[in-house]
N, C-alpha and C. Protein backbone atom coordinates (compact mmCIF):
# COMPACT_ATOMS: atom_id res chain seq x y z
N MET A 1 17.25 -7.09 -1.62
CA MET A 1 17.51 -7.10 -3.05
C MET A 1 16.47 -6.24 -3.75
N GLU A 2 16.88 -5.41 -4.68
CA GLU A 2 15.99 -4.52 -5.38
C GLU A 2 16.05 -4.73 -6.88
N CYS A 3 14.94 -4.49 -7.54
CA CYS A 3 14.89 -4.64 -8.98
C CYS A 3 13.97 -3.56 -9.54
N SER A 4 14.29 -3.06 -10.71
CA SER A 4 13.42 -2.07 -11.34
C SER A 4 13.05 -2.48 -12.76
N CYS A 5 13.02 -3.81 -12.99
CA CYS A 5 12.62 -4.29 -14.32
C CYS A 5 11.13 -4.02 -14.53
N GLU A 6 10.65 -4.18 -15.74
CA GLU A 6 9.27 -3.87 -16.07
C GLU A 6 8.27 -4.70 -15.25
N GLU A 7 8.59 -5.96 -14.99
CA GLU A 7 7.68 -6.80 -14.20
C GLU A 7 7.55 -6.29 -12.77
N CYS A 8 8.64 -5.84 -12.19
CA CYS A 8 8.59 -5.33 -10.82
C CYS A 8 7.87 -3.99 -10.75
N VAL A 9 8.11 -3.13 -11.71
CA VAL A 9 7.49 -1.81 -11.73
C VAL A 9 6.02 -1.90 -12.11
N SER A 10 5.62 -2.96 -12.82
CA SER A 10 4.23 -3.08 -13.26
C SER A 10 3.26 -3.13 -12.09
N ALA A 11 3.70 -3.66 -10.94
CA ALA A 11 2.83 -3.68 -9.77
C ALA A 11 2.45 -2.26 -9.36
N CYS A 12 3.36 -1.32 -9.49
CA CYS A 12 3.10 0.08 -9.12
C CYS A 12 2.02 0.70 -10.01
N LYS A 13 1.83 0.11 -11.17
CA LYS A 13 0.85 0.63 -12.12
C LYS A 13 -0.51 -0.02 -11.96
N LYS A 14 -0.60 -1.00 -11.04
CA LYS A 14 -1.87 -1.72 -10.85
C LYS A 14 -2.34 -1.69 -9.40
N TYR A 15 -1.46 -2.10 -8.49
CA TYR A 15 -1.82 -2.23 -7.07
C TYR A 15 -0.67 -1.71 -6.22
N PRO A 16 -0.74 -0.47 -5.75
CA PRO A 16 0.34 0.08 -4.92
C PRO A 16 0.60 -0.77 -3.68
N GLY A 17 1.85 -0.81 -3.25
CA GLY A 17 2.24 -1.60 -2.09
C GLY A 17 1.78 -0.98 -0.77
N ARG A 18 1.46 -1.84 0.15
CA ARG A 18 0.98 -1.41 1.46
C ARG A 18 2.13 -1.01 2.38
N LEU A 19 1.80 -0.14 3.33
CA LEU A 19 2.80 0.38 4.27
C LEU A 19 2.81 -0.42 5.56
N MET A 20 3.96 -0.39 6.22
CA MET A 20 4.09 -0.84 7.60
C MET A 20 3.95 0.42 8.45
N PRO A 21 3.62 0.27 9.74
CA PRO A 21 3.47 1.47 10.57
C PRO A 21 4.65 2.42 10.51
N GLN A 22 5.88 1.92 10.53
CA GLN A 22 7.07 2.77 10.53
C GLN A 22 7.28 3.51 9.20
N ASP A 23 6.63 3.06 8.13
CA ASP A 23 6.73 3.75 6.84
C ASP A 23 6.10 5.14 6.88
N LEU A 24 5.08 5.31 7.69
CA LEU A 24 4.37 6.58 7.73
C LEU A 24 5.30 7.75 8.03
N LYS A 25 6.06 7.65 9.09
CA LYS A 25 6.97 8.73 9.47
C LYS A 25 8.09 8.90 8.44
N ARG A 26 8.65 7.80 7.97
CA ARG A 26 9.75 7.89 7.00
C ARG A 26 9.31 8.62 5.73
N ILE A 27 8.13 8.27 5.22
CA ILE A 27 7.64 8.90 3.99
C ILE A 27 7.26 10.35 4.26
N ALA A 28 6.59 10.63 5.38
CA ALA A 28 6.22 12.01 5.72
C ALA A 28 7.47 12.88 5.86
N ASP A 29 8.48 12.37 6.56
CA ASP A 29 9.73 13.14 6.72
C ASP A 29 10.37 13.40 5.37
N PHE A 30 10.38 12.40 4.49
CA PHE A 30 10.97 12.55 3.16
C PHE A 30 10.24 13.66 2.37
N LEU A 31 8.92 13.69 2.49
CA LEU A 31 8.12 14.69 1.78
C LEU A 31 8.05 16.03 2.52
N ARG A 32 8.61 16.06 3.73
CA ARG A 32 8.62 17.26 4.57
C ARG A 32 7.21 17.74 4.90
N ILE A 33 6.39 16.75 5.29
CA ILE A 33 5.03 17.04 5.73
C ILE A 33 4.77 16.23 7.01
N SER A 34 3.67 16.51 7.66
CA SER A 34 3.32 15.73 8.86
C SER A 34 2.71 14.39 8.44
N THR A 35 2.67 13.47 9.38
CA THR A 35 2.03 12.18 9.12
C THR A 35 0.56 12.37 8.77
N ASN A 36 -0.10 13.28 9.46
CA ASN A 36 -1.51 13.56 9.16
C ASN A 36 -1.69 14.10 7.74
N GLU A 37 -0.77 14.96 7.31
CA GLU A 37 -0.84 15.48 5.94
C GLU A 37 -0.59 14.37 4.92
N LEU A 38 0.34 13.48 5.22
CA LEU A 38 0.61 12.34 4.34
C LEU A 38 -0.66 11.52 4.15
N ILE A 39 -1.32 11.19 5.24
CA ILE A 39 -2.54 10.38 5.18
C ILE A 39 -3.64 11.12 4.41
N ALA A 40 -3.82 12.39 4.70
CA ALA A 40 -4.90 13.17 4.09
C ALA A 40 -4.67 13.48 2.62
N THR A 41 -3.42 13.41 2.16
CA THR A 41 -3.09 13.81 0.80
C THR A 41 -2.76 12.64 -0.13
N TYR A 42 -2.13 11.61 0.42
CA TYR A 42 -1.57 10.56 -0.44
C TYR A 42 -2.03 9.13 -0.15
N LEU A 43 -2.67 8.90 0.98
CA LEU A 43 -2.94 7.52 1.39
C LEU A 43 -4.43 7.23 1.55
N VAL A 44 -4.75 5.95 1.57
CA VAL A 44 -6.08 5.46 1.92
C VAL A 44 -5.89 4.34 2.94
N MET A 45 -6.98 4.00 3.61
CA MET A 45 -6.95 2.87 4.53
C MET A 45 -7.60 1.68 3.83
N GLU A 46 -6.76 0.69 3.53
CA GLU A 46 -7.25 -0.58 3.00
C GLU A 46 -7.43 -1.52 4.19
N TYR A 47 -7.90 -2.71 3.93
CA TYR A 47 -8.05 -3.66 5.02
C TYR A 47 -7.67 -5.07 4.58
N VAL A 48 -7.29 -5.86 5.56
CA VAL A 48 -7.11 -7.30 5.40
C VAL A 48 -7.96 -7.93 6.49
N GLU A 49 -8.38 -9.15 6.27
CA GLU A 49 -9.27 -9.76 7.24
C GLU A 49 -8.99 -11.22 7.44
N ASP A 50 -9.37 -11.70 8.63
CA ASP A 50 -9.37 -13.13 8.88
C ASP A 50 -10.84 -13.53 9.02
N ALA A 51 -11.11 -14.66 9.60
CA ALA A 51 -12.49 -15.13 9.71
C ALA A 51 -13.35 -14.26 10.62
N HIS A 52 -12.71 -13.48 11.49
CA HIS A 52 -13.47 -12.75 12.50
C HIS A 52 -13.32 -11.23 12.48
N ARG A 53 -12.21 -10.73 11.92
CA ARG A 53 -11.92 -9.30 12.03
C ARG A 53 -11.37 -8.73 10.72
N LYS A 54 -11.56 -7.42 10.61
CA LYS A 54 -10.88 -6.64 9.58
C LYS A 54 -9.84 -5.80 10.30
N VAL A 55 -8.66 -5.74 9.74
CA VAL A 55 -7.61 -4.88 10.26
C VAL A 55 -7.27 -3.89 9.15
N TYR A 56 -7.28 -2.61 9.51
CA TYR A 56 -7.03 -1.55 8.53
C TYR A 56 -5.57 -1.15 8.52
N LEU A 57 -5.08 -0.81 7.35
CA LEU A 57 -3.69 -0.40 7.16
C LEU A 57 -3.64 0.63 6.04
N PHE A 58 -2.52 1.29 5.92
CA PHE A 58 -2.39 2.36 4.92
C PHE A 58 -1.73 1.87 3.65
N ALA A 59 -2.17 2.45 2.54
CA ALA A 59 -1.60 2.18 1.22
C ALA A 59 -1.69 3.47 0.39
N PRO A 60 -0.80 3.62 -0.58
CA PRO A 60 -0.90 4.79 -1.46
C PRO A 60 -2.22 4.81 -2.23
N LEU A 61 -2.73 5.98 -2.46
CA LEU A 61 -3.93 6.20 -3.24
C LEU A 61 -3.72 5.69 -4.67
N LYS A 62 -4.76 5.08 -5.24
CA LYS A 62 -4.72 4.62 -6.63
C LYS A 62 -5.28 5.70 -7.55
N LEU A 63 -4.60 5.90 -8.67
CA LEU A 63 -5.02 6.87 -9.68
C LEU A 63 -5.39 6.15 -10.97
N ARG A 64 -6.32 6.72 -11.70
CA ARG A 64 -6.70 6.21 -13.02
C ARG A 64 -6.05 7.08 -14.08
N HIS A 65 -6.40 6.78 -15.31
CA HIS A 65 -5.90 7.55 -16.45
C HIS A 65 -6.11 9.04 -16.21
N GLY A 66 -5.15 9.83 -16.56
CA GLY A 66 -5.23 11.26 -16.33
C GLY A 66 -4.97 11.64 -14.89
N ARG A 67 -4.49 10.69 -14.10
CA ARG A 67 -4.13 10.90 -12.70
C ARG A 67 -5.31 11.34 -11.84
N LYS A 68 -6.49 10.81 -12.15
CA LYS A 68 -7.68 11.07 -11.34
C LYS A 68 -7.77 9.99 -10.26
N ALA A 69 -7.94 10.40 -9.02
CA ALA A 69 -8.01 9.47 -7.89
C ALA A 69 -9.28 8.63 -7.95
N LEU A 70 -9.16 7.35 -7.60
CA LEU A 70 -10.34 6.47 -7.56
C LEU A 70 -11.29 6.90 -6.44
N ILE A 71 -10.73 7.35 -5.32
CA ILE A 71 -11.51 7.90 -4.21
C ILE A 71 -10.70 9.05 -3.62
N ASP A 72 -11.28 9.75 -2.68
CA ASP A 72 -10.54 10.82 -2.01
C ASP A 72 -9.50 10.23 -1.08
N PRO A 73 -8.34 10.87 -0.98
CA PRO A 73 -7.31 10.38 -0.05
C PRO A 73 -7.82 10.48 1.39
N GLY A 74 -7.23 9.66 2.25
CA GLY A 74 -7.58 9.66 3.66
C GLY A 74 -8.81 8.82 3.99
N GLN A 75 -9.44 8.24 3.00
CA GLN A 75 -10.67 7.48 3.20
C GLN A 75 -10.40 6.01 3.51
N ILE A 76 -11.38 5.37 4.15
CA ILE A 76 -11.38 3.91 4.30
C ILE A 76 -12.02 3.36 3.03
N VAL A 77 -11.36 2.41 2.40
CA VAL A 77 -11.84 1.90 1.12
C VAL A 77 -12.97 0.89 1.30
N GLU A 78 -13.72 0.72 0.25
CA GLU A 78 -14.74 -0.32 0.20
C GLU A 78 -14.16 -1.49 -0.59
N ALA A 79 -14.84 -2.62 -0.57
CA ALA A 79 -14.33 -3.86 -1.19
C ALA A 79 -13.96 -3.68 -2.66
N TRP A 80 -14.76 -2.93 -3.43
CA TRP A 80 -14.49 -2.77 -4.86
C TRP A 80 -13.11 -2.16 -5.10
N TYR A 81 -12.67 -1.28 -4.20
CA TYR A 81 -11.39 -0.59 -4.37
C TYR A 81 -10.22 -1.56 -4.35
N LEU A 82 -10.30 -2.57 -3.50
CA LEU A 82 -9.20 -3.52 -3.34
C LEU A 82 -8.91 -4.29 -4.63
N THR A 83 -9.92 -4.53 -5.45
CA THR A 83 -9.74 -5.31 -6.67
C THR A 83 -9.66 -4.44 -7.93
N THR A 84 -9.81 -3.14 -7.78
CA THR A 84 -9.73 -2.23 -8.92
C THR A 84 -8.29 -1.78 -9.12
N GLN A 85 -7.81 -1.92 -10.35
CA GLN A 85 -6.45 -1.51 -10.64
C GLN A 85 -6.35 0.01 -10.70
N GLY A 86 -5.19 0.51 -10.31
CA GLY A 86 -4.92 1.93 -10.37
C GLY A 86 -3.46 2.19 -10.09
N GLN A 87 -2.92 3.20 -10.71
CA GLN A 87 -1.50 3.57 -10.56
C GLN A 87 -1.25 4.21 -9.21
N CYS A 88 -0.13 3.89 -8.61
CA CYS A 88 0.28 4.48 -7.34
C CYS A 88 0.44 5.99 -7.49
N ILE A 89 -0.06 6.73 -6.52
CA ILE A 89 0.03 8.19 -6.53
C ILE A 89 1.49 8.67 -6.53
N PHE A 90 2.41 7.83 -6.08
CA PHE A 90 3.81 8.24 -6.00
C PHE A 90 4.59 7.99 -7.30
N LEU A 91 3.95 7.42 -8.32
CA LEU A 91 4.64 7.29 -9.61
C LEU A 91 4.63 8.63 -10.32
N ASN A 92 5.78 9.04 -10.84
CA ASN A 92 5.83 10.31 -11.55
C ASN A 92 5.44 10.12 -13.01
N LYS A 93 5.46 11.18 -13.79
CA LYS A 93 5.01 11.10 -15.19
C LYS A 93 5.90 10.20 -16.04
N ASN A 94 7.10 9.91 -15.57
CA ASN A 94 8.00 9.00 -16.29
C ASN A 94 7.84 7.55 -15.82
N GLY A 95 6.89 7.31 -14.92
CA GLY A 95 6.65 5.96 -14.43
C GLY A 95 7.63 5.50 -13.38
N LEU A 96 8.33 6.45 -12.75
CA LEU A 96 9.30 6.12 -11.71
C LEU A 96 8.76 6.54 -10.34
N CYS A 97 9.18 5.85 -9.32
CA CYS A 97 8.73 6.13 -7.96
C CYS A 97 9.36 7.42 -7.46
N SER A 98 8.53 8.36 -7.07
CA SER A 98 9.02 9.66 -6.59
C SER A 98 9.50 9.59 -5.14
N ILE A 99 9.24 8.48 -4.45
CA ILE A 99 9.70 8.31 -3.07
C ILE A 99 10.53 7.03 -2.95
N HIS A 100 11.20 6.67 -4.00
CA HIS A 100 11.89 5.38 -4.10
C HIS A 100 12.75 5.05 -2.87
N SER A 101 13.48 6.00 -2.36
CA SER A 101 14.38 5.72 -1.24
C SER A 101 13.64 5.40 0.06
N VAL A 102 12.35 5.74 0.15
CA VAL A 102 11.55 5.47 1.34
C VAL A 102 10.24 4.76 0.98
N LYS A 103 10.23 4.07 -0.13
CA LYS A 103 8.99 3.45 -0.63
C LYS A 103 8.37 2.50 0.40
N PRO A 104 7.06 2.25 0.27
CA PRO A 104 6.36 1.38 1.22
C PRO A 104 6.99 -0.02 1.32
N PHE A 105 6.81 -0.63 2.48
CA PHE A 105 7.39 -1.93 2.78
C PHE A 105 7.07 -2.98 1.70
N GLU A 106 5.80 -3.08 1.31
CA GLU A 106 5.44 -4.09 0.31
C GLU A 106 6.18 -3.85 -0.99
N CYS A 107 6.39 -2.61 -1.37
CA CYS A 107 7.13 -2.28 -2.59
C CYS A 107 8.60 -2.71 -2.46
N ARG A 108 9.17 -2.53 -1.28
CA ARG A 108 10.57 -2.91 -1.05
C ARG A 108 10.75 -4.42 -1.08
N GLU A 109 9.76 -5.15 -0.60
CA GLU A 109 9.92 -6.59 -0.41
C GLU A 109 9.36 -7.45 -1.55
N TYR A 110 8.63 -6.85 -2.48
CA TYR A 110 8.04 -7.60 -3.58
C TYR A 110 8.95 -7.56 -4.81
N MET A 111 9.17 -8.70 -5.41
CA MET A 111 9.91 -8.77 -6.67
C MET A 111 9.03 -9.49 -7.69
N GLY A 112 8.44 -8.73 -8.60
CA GLY A 112 7.53 -9.29 -9.59
C GLY A 112 8.19 -10.27 -10.54
N CYS A 113 9.43 -9.99 -10.90
CA CYS A 113 10.11 -10.86 -11.86
C CYS A 113 10.42 -12.24 -11.27
N LYS A 114 10.47 -12.31 -9.95
CA LYS A 114 10.71 -13.60 -9.27
C LYS A 114 9.48 -14.08 -8.53
N ASN A 115 8.42 -13.26 -8.54
CA ASN A 115 7.18 -13.56 -7.84
C ASN A 115 7.44 -13.90 -6.38
N THR A 116 8.20 -13.01 -5.71
CA THR A 116 8.54 -13.24 -4.31
C THR A 116 8.18 -12.04 -3.45
N PHE A 117 7.97 -12.32 -2.17
CA PHE A 117 7.75 -11.31 -1.15
C PHE A 117 8.61 -11.72 0.04
N MET A 118 9.49 -10.85 0.45
CA MET A 118 10.42 -11.14 1.53
C MET A 118 11.23 -12.41 1.25
N GLY A 119 11.58 -12.60 -0.01
CA GLY A 119 12.41 -13.73 -0.42
C GLY A 119 11.69 -15.05 -0.56
N ARG A 120 10.38 -15.07 -0.31
CA ARG A 120 9.60 -16.30 -0.43
C ARG A 120 8.62 -16.18 -1.57
N HIS A 121 8.19 -17.33 -2.11
CA HIS A 121 7.20 -17.33 -3.18
C HIS A 121 5.98 -16.51 -2.76
N TYR A 122 5.53 -15.63 -3.63
CA TYR A 122 4.41 -14.74 -3.32
C TYR A 122 3.11 -15.53 -3.27
N LYS A 123 2.45 -15.49 -2.13
CA LYS A 123 1.13 -16.08 -1.95
C LYS A 123 0.27 -15.01 -1.29
N GLN A 124 -0.78 -14.59 -1.98
CA GLN A 124 -1.61 -13.48 -1.51
C GLN A 124 -2.09 -13.67 -0.08
N LYS A 125 -2.59 -14.85 0.25
CA LYS A 125 -3.11 -15.08 1.60
C LYS A 125 -2.01 -14.93 2.66
N ALA A 126 -0.82 -15.42 2.36
CA ALA A 126 0.29 -15.31 3.31
C ALA A 126 0.71 -13.86 3.48
N VAL A 127 0.75 -13.10 2.40
CA VAL A 127 1.12 -11.68 2.48
C VAL A 127 0.05 -10.90 3.24
N ASP A 128 -1.22 -11.18 2.96
CA ASP A 128 -2.30 -10.53 3.70
C ASP A 128 -2.20 -10.85 5.20
N LYS A 129 -1.92 -12.09 5.53
CA LYS A 129 -1.78 -12.48 6.94
C LYS A 129 -0.62 -11.74 7.60
N PHE A 130 0.48 -11.60 6.85
CA PHE A 130 1.63 -10.85 7.37
C PHE A 130 1.21 -9.43 7.74
N PHE A 131 0.53 -8.73 6.82
CA PHE A 131 0.10 -7.36 7.10
C PHE A 131 -0.95 -7.30 8.21
N PHE A 132 -1.84 -8.27 8.24
CA PHE A 132 -2.84 -8.36 9.31
C PHE A 132 -2.13 -8.38 10.67
N ASN A 133 -1.14 -9.24 10.79
CA ASN A 133 -0.42 -9.38 12.06
C ASN A 133 0.39 -8.14 12.41
N GLN A 134 0.94 -7.46 11.41
CA GLN A 134 1.73 -6.26 11.66
C GLN A 134 0.88 -5.09 12.14
N TRP A 135 -0.33 -4.96 11.60
CA TRP A 135 -1.17 -3.82 11.92
C TRP A 135 -2.15 -4.09 13.06
N ARG A 136 -2.43 -5.34 13.35
CA ARG A 136 -3.36 -5.68 14.43
C ARG A 136 -2.84 -5.08 15.74
N GLY A 137 -3.66 -4.32 16.40
CA GLY A 137 -3.28 -3.73 17.68
C GLY A 137 -2.47 -2.45 17.58
N HIS A 138 -2.13 -2.00 16.39
CA HIS A 138 -1.37 -0.76 16.25
C HIS A 138 -2.30 0.43 16.56
N PRO A 139 -1.79 1.47 17.25
CA PRO A 139 -2.63 2.61 17.64
C PRO A 139 -3.32 3.32 16.47
N LEU A 140 -2.73 3.31 15.28
CA LEU A 140 -3.36 3.97 14.14
C LEU A 140 -4.39 3.09 13.45
N ASN A 141 -4.47 1.85 13.84
CA ASN A 141 -5.37 0.90 13.22
C ASN A 141 -6.72 0.92 13.93
N THR A 142 -7.73 0.66 13.16
CA THR A 142 -9.05 0.43 13.71
C THR A 142 -9.44 -0.98 13.34
N THR A 143 -9.62 -1.83 14.33
CA THR A 143 -10.00 -3.22 14.07
C THR A 143 -11.49 -3.35 14.31
N HIS A 144 -12.17 -3.95 13.36
CA HIS A 144 -13.61 -4.12 13.46
C HIS A 144 -13.97 -5.59 13.31
N PRO A 145 -15.07 -6.00 13.99
CA PRO A 145 -15.56 -7.36 13.71
C PRO A 145 -15.93 -7.45 12.23
N LYS A 146 -15.72 -8.59 11.64
CA LYS A 146 -16.04 -8.79 10.24
C LYS A 146 -17.56 -8.73 10.06
N GLU A 147 -17.97 -7.99 9.04
CA GLU A 147 -19.40 -7.90 8.77
C GLU A 147 -19.86 -9.22 8.19
N THR A 148 -21.06 -9.64 8.56
CA THR A 148 -21.59 -10.91 8.05
C THR A 148 -22.79 -10.68 7.19
């Protein structure tokens, strides 16, 4: 189920949705670039963690006013980045998703107006655990012991 109401689109203006591994190729193919170019130009590596490990995954770069990037694309983010709001790099000047037909998994599965993810009530910890499990052990992921 898809929705483009203001509540659903508002997430794109604050916290871009995270990708699943298979999203990388789909988005790169749509943009007619390589996966490496996609990562180096449009994405950052965010992380989710459990009590013992951090698992890294890809998400669209966040932009501030004037479309200035919060950090350089292709970088591993620091903790401050995860809580800092920023517009998704894939939003165009009209506030619409420029890759809508191949948008990231979290964007496809989140409905802000119903506060759901994959049809269930949105709970941040549960969504983080879902992404942790999807990216754990993936060849593009780097898993590190949690810093203490």
